[in-house]
Amino acid sequence: MRVIAKRTLRGFWEKHADSEQQLKAWYNEAEQATWKSPNDIKKDYPTASILEDNRTVFNIRGNNYRLIVRINYKYGIVWIRLIGTHAEYNKVDATKI
């Protein structure tokens, strides 16, 4: 998969150093993945939440942080929509962001 944009993750882990290793691991795993459907994601990440409009929420660092992505399965592209704390996540509509 092509993940857009790593700089969003980097900016987050520079503020929240405890998330760096898991975000780097997620990024590397996502780049190596060949997700064709939400079922493929659930195989790799059973705790991920599948939302409408091809959005997925990943729990980062024991669910301390939330990563929302939108995926175009046909073209193999993952767009990072939000990485944030639970408080930040609770302020947005994950299905619209």
C-alpha atoms as a PDB file:
ATOM      1  CA  MET A   1       0.000   0.000   0.000  1.00  0.00           C
ATOM      2  CA  ARG A   2       1.102   3.574  -0.521  1.00  0.00           C
ATOM      3  CA  VAL A   3       0.695   5.556   2.686  1.00  0.00           C
ATOM      4  CA  ILE A   4       0.129   9.303   2.426  1.00  0.00           C
ATOM      5  CA  ALA A   5       1.661  11.087   4.366  1.00  0.00           C
ATOM      6  CA  LYS A   6       4.336   9.874   6.763  1.00  0.00           C
ATOM      7  CA  ARG A   7       5.103  13.454   7.826  1.00  0.00           C
ATOM      8  CA  THR A   8       1.744  13.527   9.649  1.00  0.00           C
ATOM      9  CA  LEU A   9       2.861  10.564  11.737  1.00  0.00           C
ATOM     10  CA  ARG A  10       6.312  12.060  12.255  1.00  0.00           C
ATOM     11  CA  GLY A  11       4.848  15.331  13.477  1.00  0.00           C
ATOM     12  CA  PHE A  12       2.701  13.438  15.950  1.00  0.00           C
ATOM     13  CA  TRP A  13       5.478  11.264  17.376  1.00  0.00           C
ATOM     14  CA  GLU A  14       7.674  14.322  17.788  1.00  0.00           C
ATOM     15  CA  LYS A  15       5.034  15.622  20.216  1.00  0.00           C
ATOM     16  CA  HIS A  16       4.158  12.201  21.673  1.00  0.00           C
ATOM     17  CA  ALA A  17       7.454  10.285  21.792  1.00  0.00           C
ATOM     18  CA  ASP A  18       5.817   7.214  23.333  1.00  0.00           C
ATOM     19  CA  SER A  19       3.951   6.618  20.042  1.00  0.00           C
ATOM     20  CA  GLU A  20       7.009   6.678  17.762  1.00  0.00           C
ATOM     21  CA  GLN A  21       7.902   2.996  17.650  1.00  0.00           C
ATOM     22  CA  GLN A  22       4.349   1.783  17.169  1.00  0.00           C
ATOM     23  CA  LEU A  23       3.597   4.377  14.487  1.00  0.00           C
ATOM     24  CA  LYS A  24       6.778   3.435  12.633  1.00  0.00           C
ATOM     25  CA  ALA A  25       5.824  -0.236  12.887  1.00  0.00           C
ATOM     26  CA  TRP A  26       2.282   0.473  11.650  1.00  0.00           C
ATOM     27  CA  TYR A  27       3.637   2.525   8.735  1.00  0.00           C
ATOM     28  CA  ASN A  28       6.064  -0.219   7.677  1.00  0.00           C
ATOM     29  CA  GLU A  29       3.388  -2.910   7.972  1.00  0.00           C
ATOM     30  CA  ALA A  30       0.887  -0.836   5.999  1.00  0.00           C
ATOM     31  CA  GLU A  31       3.413  -0.183   3.229  1.00  0.00           C
ATOM     32  CA  GLN A  32       4.084  -3.918   2.918  1.00  0.00           C
ATOM     33  CA  ALA A  33       0.388  -4.847   3.053  1.00  0.00           C
ATOM     34  CA  THR A  34      -1.813  -5.703   0.096  1.00  0.00           C
ATOM     35  CA  TRP A  35      -5.187  -4.957   1.638  1.00  0.00           C
ATOM     36  CA  LYS A  36      -7.987  -5.597  -0.833  1.00  0.00           C
ATOM     37  CA  SER A  37     -10.883  -5.234   1.598  1.00  0.00           C
ATOM     38  CA  PRO A  38     -11.655  -4.407   5.231  1.00  0.00           C
ATOM     39  CA  ASN A  39     -11.501  -8.138   5.977  1.00  0.00           C
ATOM     40  CA  ASP A  40      -7.791  -8.109   5.119  1.00  0.00           C
ATOM     41  CA  ILE A  41      -7.230  -5.341   7.656  1.00  0.00           C
ATOM     42  CA  LYS A  42      -9.153  -7.218  10.347  1.00  0.00           C
ATOM     43  CA  LYS A  43      -6.876 -10.235   9.809  1.00  0.00           C
ATOM     44  CA  ASP A  44      -3.820  -8.088  10.557  1.00  0.00           C
ATOM     45  CA  TYR A  45      -5.460  -5.767  13.110  1.00  0.00           C
ATOM     46  CA  PRO A  46      -8.393  -7.465  14.862  1.00  0.00           C
ATOM     47  CA  THR A  47      -9.020  -4.422  17.090  1.00  0.00           C
ATOM     48  CA  ALA A  48      -9.268  -1.980  14.178  1.00  0.00           C
ATOM     49  CA  SER A  49     -12.682  -0.396  13.691  1.00  0.00           C
ATOM     50  CA  ILE A  50     -14.041  -0.466  10.159  1.00  0.00           C
ATOM     51  CA  LEU A  51     -16.182   2.570   9.357  1.00  0.00           C
ATOM     52  CA  GLU A  52     -18.211   3.672   6.355  1.00  0.00           C
ATOM     53  CA  ASP A  53     -16.637   5.322   3.322  1.00  0.00           C
ATOM     54  CA  ASN A  54     -13.549   3.057   3.488  1.00  0.00           C
ATOM     55  CA  ARG A  55     -12.310   4.521   6.748  1.00  0.00           C
ATOM     56  CA  THR A  56     -10.546   2.511   9.426  1.00  0.00           C
ATOM     57  CA  VAL A  57      -9.563   3.438  12.960  1.00  0.00           C
ATOM     58  CA  PHE A  58      -6.420   1.817  14.357  1.00  0.00           C
ATOM     59  CA  ASN A  59      -5.632   1.726  18.062  1.00  0.00           C
ATOM     60  CA  ILE A  60      -2.084   2.901  18.674  1.00  0.00           C
ATOM     61  CA  ARG A  61      -0.017   2.163  21.747  1.00  0.00           C
ATOM     62  CA  GLY A  62      -2.530   0.176  23.707  1.00  0.00           C
ATOM     63  CA  ASN A  63      -5.397   2.370  22.540  1.00  0.00           C
ATOM     64  CA  ASN A  64      -3.802   5.537  23.950  1.00  0.00           C
ATOM     65  CA  TYR A  65      -3.948   7.098  20.493  1.00  0.00           C
ATOM     66  CA  ARG A  66      -6.219   6.743  17.491  1.00  0.00           C
ATOM     67  CA  LEU A  67      -5.213   6.681  13.831  1.00  0.00           C
ATOM     68  CA  ILE A  68      -7.947   7.283  11.244  1.00  0.00           C
ATOM     69  CA  VAL A  69      -7.193   6.406   7.636  1.00  0.00           C
ATOM     70  CA  ARG A  70      -9.168   6.318   4.423  1.00  0.00           C
ATOM     71  CA  ILE A  71      -8.292   3.555   1.988  1.00  0.00           C
ATOM     72  CA  ASN A  72      -8.682   3.206  -1.742  1.00  0.00           C
ATOM     73  CA  TYR A  73      -8.411  -0.563  -2.059  1.00  0.00           C
ATOM     74  CA  LYS A  74      -8.456  -0.571  -5.866  1.00  0.00           C
ATOM     75  CA  TYR A  75      -5.375   1.657  -6.140  1.00  0.00           C
ATOM     76  CA  GLY A  76      -3.669   0.584  -2.916  1.00  0.00           C
ATOM     77  CA  ILE A  77      -3.582   4.008  -1.286  1.00  0.00           C
ATOM     78  CA  VAL A  78      -3.929   4.779   2.428  1.00  0.00           C
ATOM     79  CA  TRP A  79      -4.543   8.414   3.374  1.00  0.00           C
ATOM     80  CA  ILE A  80      -3.870   9.383   6.963  1.00  0.00           C
ATOM     81  CA  ARG A  81      -6.820  11.500   8.040  1.00  0.00           C
ATOM     82  CA  LEU A  82      -6.046  11.958  11.754  1.00  0.00           C
ATOM     83  CA  ILE A  83      -3.651  10.757  14.397  1.00  0.00           C
ATOM     84  CA  GLY A  84      -4.582  11.956  17.840  1.00  0.00           C
ATOM     85  CA  THR A  85      -5.286  11.365  21.466  1.00  0.00           C
ATOM     86  CA  HIS A  86      -8.677  10.064  22.545  1.00  0.00           C
ATOM     87  CA  ALA A  87      -9.725  13.612  23.420  1.00  0.00           C
ATOM     88  CA  GLU A  88      -8.812  14.789  19.901  1.00  0.00           C
ATOM     89  CA  TYR A  89     -10.496  11.755  18.343  1.00  0.00           C
ATOM     90  CA  ASN A  90     -13.684  12.397  20.318  1.00  0.00           C
ATOM     91  CA  LYS A  91     -13.946  15.906  18.822  1.00  0.00           C
ATOM     92  CA  VAL A  92     -14.202  14.712  15.221  1.00  0.00           C
ATOM     93  CA  ASP A  93     -16.601  12.620  13.183  1.00  0.00           C
ATOM     94  CA  ALA A  94     -14.356   9.778  12.032  1.00  0.00           C
ATOM     95  CA  THR A  95     -16.717   8.986   9.165  1.00  0.00           C
ATOM     96  CA  LYS A  96     -16.389  12.471   7.703  1.00  0.00           C
ATOM     97  CA  ILE A  97     -12.812  13.566   8.386  1.00  0.00           C
END
